[in-house]
Amino acid sequence: MATAITAYYFCPDRVSRKMGRLCQTRTPLMLCVKNVSLRLPESCLLTNVNFTVDKCDIVTLMGPSGCGKSTLFSWMIGALAGQFSCTGELWLNEQRIDMLPTAERQIGILFQDALLFDQFSVGQNLLLALPAALKGVARRDAVNDALERAGLGGMFHQDPATLSGGQRARVALLRALLAQPKALLLDEPFSRLDVALRDNFRKWVFSEVRALAIPVVQVTHDLQDVPADSSVLDMAQWSENYNKL
């Protein structure tokens, strides 16, 4: 269960106030955002963000456009735009990682747009994600197994430009998972899908990430994206700009 300091937890069927604990790093595969504030030169975007996510948990951050959800994600993966400054700490599996380069943080991310390298085949896109420790035939086998699991068997040589939106989204998630991240961020990954595809894709995504037993954080505007029995954190508690939008 995620925790936050003086946080509100919003769920579709209930709203309750809970006092959370301070960030701790004792639980294996816990993701902890501790005392984080994000600022622009003339304003403060987020103040004293505190929450933790345990392994197997999926926590949702909700709030209007401009409240800082995606900016927080950018900081978490080490890609914060130059106009922002930040204080605070990011911990993963008993290690502080906010001072590490992006490639060493072991945090995966799935964006709104299924960003694939169209100059490579579907299989080549997935091979790029695999850890270097996996060698030879095992690399190809891992990719083919993943494609079969996603209902995309036989598409190793497929041109990504020929895929449907739902197929591209599945390939993008597989690429994030094949990198074997220790935590995963979902940046509104369902918002660009047709309504007919969205529900099944959501269920598949949550099933896949829970099988990895890692902490997951998603941002969304849509309560339909929130898994049952999971926590939702309202960005209003940390955003000075919330009531100005």
Protein backbone atom coordinates (compact mmCIF):
# COMPACT_ATOMS: atom_id res chain seq x y z
CA MET A 1 0.00 0.00 0.00
CA ALA A 2 1.28 3.44 -0.85
CA THR A 3 1.74 5.93 1.93
CA ALA A 4 1.96 9.69 1.99
CA ILE A 5 2.27 12.35 4.66
CA THR A 6 -1.15 13.87 5.48
CA ALA A 7 -2.39 12.51 2.17
CA TYR A 8 -5.86 12.03 0.75
CA TYR A 9 -6.58 8.69 -0.90
CA PHE A 10 -9.28 8.89 -3.55
CA CYS A 11 -10.93 5.67 -4.71
CA PRO A 12 -13.99 5.32 -6.93
CA ASP A 13 -16.17 4.05 -4.07
CA ARG A 14 -14.76 5.88 -1.10
CA VAL A 15 -12.74 8.84 0.06
CA SER A 16 -10.78 8.65 3.29
CA ARG A 17 -8.05 10.62 5.04
CA LYS A 18 -5.11 8.65 6.38
CA MET A 19 -1.93 9.67 8.13
CA GLY A 20 0.92 7.93 6.36
CA ARG A 21 4.36 7.08 7.65
CA LEU A 22 7.55 8.85 6.71
CA CYS A 23 9.44 7.33 3.80
CA GLN A 24 11.35 4.26 4.85
CA THR A 25 13.56 1.98 2.79
CA ARG A 26 13.37 -1.27 4.72
CA THR A 27 11.01 -3.15 2.42
CA PRO A 28 12.69 -4.78 -0.62
CA LEU A 29 11.65 -3.18 -3.90
CA MET A 30 10.03 -0.18 -2.24
CA LEU A 31 9.99 3.04 -4.27
CA CYS A 32 10.16 6.14 -2.08
CA VAL A 33 9.74 9.80 -3.07
CA LYS A 34 10.93 11.84 -0.11
CA ASN A 35 10.49 15.57 0.56
CA VAL A 36 10.55 16.50 -3.13
CA SER A 37 9.90 20.09 -4.26
CA LEU A 38 10.00 21.18 -7.90
CA ARG A 39 10.42 24.83 -8.81
CA LEU A 40 10.49 27.15 -11.78
CA PRO A 41 12.54 30.36 -11.47
CA GLU A 42 9.53 32.40 -10.33
CA SER A 43 7.18 29.81 -8.85
CA CYS A 44 6.94 26.50 -7.01
CA LEU A 45 5.24 23.70 -8.93
CA LEU A 46 5.25 20.97 -6.25
CA THR A 47 6.06 21.18 -2.55
CA ASN A 48 7.06 18.41 -0.12
CA VAL A 49 5.95 15.41 -2.17
CA ASN A 50 6.15 12.28 -0.02
CA PHE A 51 4.90 8.81 -0.87
CA THR A 52 6.07 5.22 -1.01
CA VAL A 53 5.04 2.31 -3.20
CA ASP A 54 5.66 -1.30 -2.20
CA LYS A 55 6.35 -4.14 -4.60
CA CYS A 56 3.23 -5.39 -6.43
CA ASP A 57 1.39 -2.12 -5.69
CA ILE A 58 0.08 0.20 -8.41
CA VAL A 59 -0.39 3.77 -7.19
CA THR A 60 -2.13 6.44 -9.25
CA LEU A 61 -1.38 10.18 -9.20
CA MET A 62 -4.31 12.31 -10.32
CA GLY A 63 -4.73 16.01 -11.03
CA PRO A 64 -5.43 18.45 -13.87
CA SER A 65 -3.03 19.25 -16.69
CA GLY A 66 -0.22 21.47 -15.50
CA CYS A 67 -0.21 20.33 -11.87
CA GLY A 68 3.16 18.61 -12.19
CA LYS A 69 2.43 14.90 -12.69
CA SER A 70 4.58 14.38 -15.76
CA THR A 71 7.25 16.77 -14.46
CA LEU A 72 7.56 14.62 -11.35
CA PHE A 73 8.00 11.56 -13.58
CA SER A 74 10.70 13.38 -15.56
CA TRP A 75 12.58 14.01 -12.34
CA MET A 76 12.17 10.39 -11.24
CA ILE A 77 13.79 9.06 -14.43
CA GLY A 78 16.52 11.72 -14.48
CA ALA A 79 15.19 13.74 -17.41
CA LEU A 80 14.00 16.95 -15.72
CA ALA A 81 13.97 19.93 -18.10
CA GLY A 82 16.61 22.57 -17.48
CA GLN A 83 14.19 25.31 -16.41
CA PHE A 84 13.23 23.33 -13.29
CA SER A 85 15.17 22.95 -10.05
CA CYS A 86 14.52 20.20 -7.53
CA THR A 87 15.23 19.26 -3.95
CA GLY A 88 14.44 15.94 -2.32
CA GLU A 89 15.35 12.29 -2.61
CA LEU A 90 14.34 9.22 -4.61
CA TRP A 91 14.98 5.79 -3.11
CA LEU A 92 14.58 2.37 -4.68
CA ASN A 93 15.33 -0.93 -2.98
CA GLU A 94 17.36 0.65 -0.16
CA GLN A 95 19.43 2.78 -2.53
CA ARG A 96 19.21 6.52 -3.13
CA ILE A 97 19.04 6.92 -6.92
CA ASP A 98 18.18 10.56 -7.68
CA MET A 99 21.89 11.36 -8.07
CA LEU A 100 22.43 8.52 -10.56
CA PRO A 101 22.34 8.82 -14.37
CA THR A 102 19.08 7.76 -16.01
CA ALA A 103 20.49 4.46 -17.28
CA GLU A 104 21.53 3.40 -13.77
CA ARG A 105 18.23 4.09 -12.00
CA GLN A 106 16.53 0.92 -13.26
CA ILE A 107 13.17 2.65 -13.61
CA GLY A 108 11.12 1.90 -16.70
CA ILE A 109 8.53 4.24 -18.18
CA LEU A 110 5.62 3.83 -20.58
CA PHE A 111 4.46 7.05 -22.26
CA GLN A 112 1.14 8.17 -23.78
CA ASP A 113 2.56 7.60 -27.25
CA ALA A 114 4.00 4.18 -28.00
CA LEU A 115 7.45 5.43 -28.99
CA LEU A 116 9.11 2.80 -31.19
CA PHE A 117 12.10 2.99 -33.50
CA ASP A 118 10.43 2.69 -36.89
CA GLN A 119 13.76 2.03 -38.63
CA PHE A 120 13.91 -1.29 -36.76
CA SER A 121 11.57 -4.26 -36.80
CA VAL A 122 9.31 -5.07 -33.86
CA GLY A 123 11.74 -7.74 -32.70
CA GLN A 124 14.75 -5.45 -33.01
CA ASN A 125 12.96 -2.83 -30.90
CA LEU A 126 12.54 -5.41 -28.17
CA LEU A 127 16.08 -6.78 -28.45
CA LEU A 128 17.39 -3.29 -27.69
CA ALA A 129 15.71 -3.41 -24.28
CA LEU A 130 17.20 -6.69 -23.08
CA PRO A 131 19.96 -6.61 -20.45
CA ALA A 132 23.45 -7.12 -21.86
CA ALA A 133 23.88 -10.14 -19.57
CA LEU A 134 21.42 -12.09 -21.74
CA LYS A 135 23.42 -13.58 -24.61
CA GLY A 136 23.00 -15.39 -27.91
CA VAL A 137 19.91 -17.40 -28.73
CA ALA A 138 18.42 -16.60 -25.32
CA ARG A 139 17.88 -13.00 -26.44
CA ARG A 140 15.80 -14.00 -29.47
CA ASP A 141 13.90 -16.56 -27.41
CA ALA A 142 13.05 -13.96 -24.74
CA VAL A 143 11.63 -11.62 -27.38
CA ASN A 144 9.60 -14.31 -29.11
CA ASP A 145 8.21 -15.53 -25.78
CA ALA A 146 7.16 -11.98 -24.90
CA LEU A 147 5.47 -11.48 -28.28
CA GLU A 148 3.54 -14.74 -27.87
CA ARG A 149 2.40 -13.71 -24.39
CA ALA A 150 1.12 -10.41 -25.78
CA GLY A 151 -0.79 -12.04 -28.63
CA LEU A 152 1.77 -10.81 -31.17
CA GLY A 153 3.37 -14.11 -32.11
CA GLY A 154 5.09 -14.13 -35.50
CA MET A 155 5.60 -10.36 -35.56
CA PHE A 156 9.35 -10.33 -34.89
CA HIS A 157 10.13 -9.02 -38.39
CA GLN A 158 7.06 -6.75 -38.64
CA ASP A 159 7.55 -3.09 -39.51
CA PRO A 160 6.28 -1.01 -36.53
CA ALA A 161 4.68 1.43 -38.97
CA THR A 162 2.21 -1.29 -39.99
CA LEU A 163 0.98 -1.98 -36.45
CA SER A 164 -2.36 -0.83 -35.08
CA GLY A 165 -2.46 1.53 -32.11
CA GLY A 166 -3.19 -1.32 -29.73
CA GLN A 167 -0.37 -3.44 -31.13
CA ARG A 168 2.13 -0.57 -30.83
CA ALA A 169 1.04 -0.03 -27.23
CA ARG A 170 1.65 -3.68 -26.40
CA VAL A 171 5.09 -3.64 -28.03
CA ALA A 172 5.98 -0.49 -26.08
CA LEU A 173 5.02 -2.14 -22.79
CA LEU A 174 6.94 -5.30 -23.65
CA ARG A 175 10.01 -3.20 -24.35
CA ALA A 176 9.70 -1.54 -20.94
CA LEU A 177 9.29 -4.90 -19.18
CA LEU A 178 12.05 -6.73 -21.04
CA ALA A 179 14.53 -4.22 -19.65
CA GLN A 180 13.80 -5.83 -16.24
CA PRO A 181 13.16 -2.56 -14.37
CA LYS A 182 12.96 -2.51 -10.59
CA ALA A 183 10.10 0.02 -10.76
CA LEU A 184 7.79 1.20 -13.54
CA LEU A 185 6.12 4.52 -14.34
CA LEU A 186 2.99 4.68 -16.52
CA ASP A 187 2.46 8.15 -18.02
CA GLU A 188 -1.18 8.06 -19.21
CA PRO A 189 -0.48 5.01 -21.41
CA PHE A 190 -4.17 4.35 -22.12
CA SER A 191 -5.30 7.83 -23.15
CA ARG A 192 -4.55 7.49 -26.87
CA LEU A 193 -6.30 4.15 -27.32
CA ASP A 194 -9.80 3.69 -28.68
CA VAL A 195 -12.40 3.05 -26.00
CA ALA A 196 -12.99 -0.44 -27.39
CA LEU A 197 -9.32 -1.36 -26.83
CA ARG A 198 -8.68 0.50 -23.61
CA ASP A 199 -10.33 -1.81 -21.06
CA ASN A 200 -8.68 -5.02 -22.26
CA PHE A 201 -5.30 -3.32 -22.61
CA ARG A 202 -5.53 -1.92 -19.07
CA LYS A 203 -6.26 -5.37 -17.67
CA TRP A 204 -3.37 -6.87 -19.61
CA VAL A 205 -0.94 -4.14 -18.50
CA PHE A 206 -1.83 -4.50 -14.82
CA SER A 207 -1.58 -8.29 -15.03
CA GLU A 208 1.87 -8.08 -16.63
CA VAL A 209 3.33 -5.55 -14.21
CA ARG A 210 1.95 -7.30 -11.13
CA ALA A 211 3.59 -10.52 -12.29
CA LEU A 212 6.94 -8.73 -12.00
CA ALA A 213 6.27 -7.86 -8.33
CA ILE A 214 7.70 -4.35 -8.66
CA PRO A 215 6.38 -0.93 -7.53
CA VAL A 216 4.33 0.87 -10.20
CA VAL A 217 3.20 4.50 -10.35
CA GLN A 218 0.82 5.81 -12.99
CA VAL A 219 -0.55 9.25 -13.80
CA THR A 220 -3.98 9.68 -15.35
CA HIS A 221 -7.02 11.92 -15.60
CA ASP A 222 -9.43 8.98 -15.76
CA LEU A 223 -10.66 7.04 -12.71
CA GLN A 224 -11.40 4.13 -15.05
CA ASP A 225 -7.64 3.65 -15.31
CA VAL A 226 -7.33 2.96 -11.58
CA PRO A 227 -7.03 -0.75 -10.68
CA ALA A 228 -9.44 -2.08 -8.09
CA ASP A 229 -8.23 -1.95 -4.48
CA SER A 230 -5.35 0.41 -5.25
CA SER A 231 -4.45 3.85 -3.94
CA VAL A 232 -4.97 7.19 -5.67
CA LEU A 233 -3.04 10.26 -4.54
CA ASP A 234 -4.47 13.69 -5.35
CA MET A 235 -1.77 16.08 -6.62
CA ALA A 236 -3.65 18.98 -4.98
CA GLN A 237 -1.94 18.28 -1.68
CA TRP A 238 1.45 19.16 -3.18
CA SER A 239 0.62 21.69 -5.92
CA GLU A 240 0.39 25.42 -5.24
CA ASN A 241 -0.94 25.95 -8.75
CA TYR A 242 -3.82 23.47 -8.43
CA ASN A 243 -6.50 26.05 -7.68
CA LYS A 244 -5.22 28.50 -10.28
CA LEU A 245 -5.78 26.26 -13.29
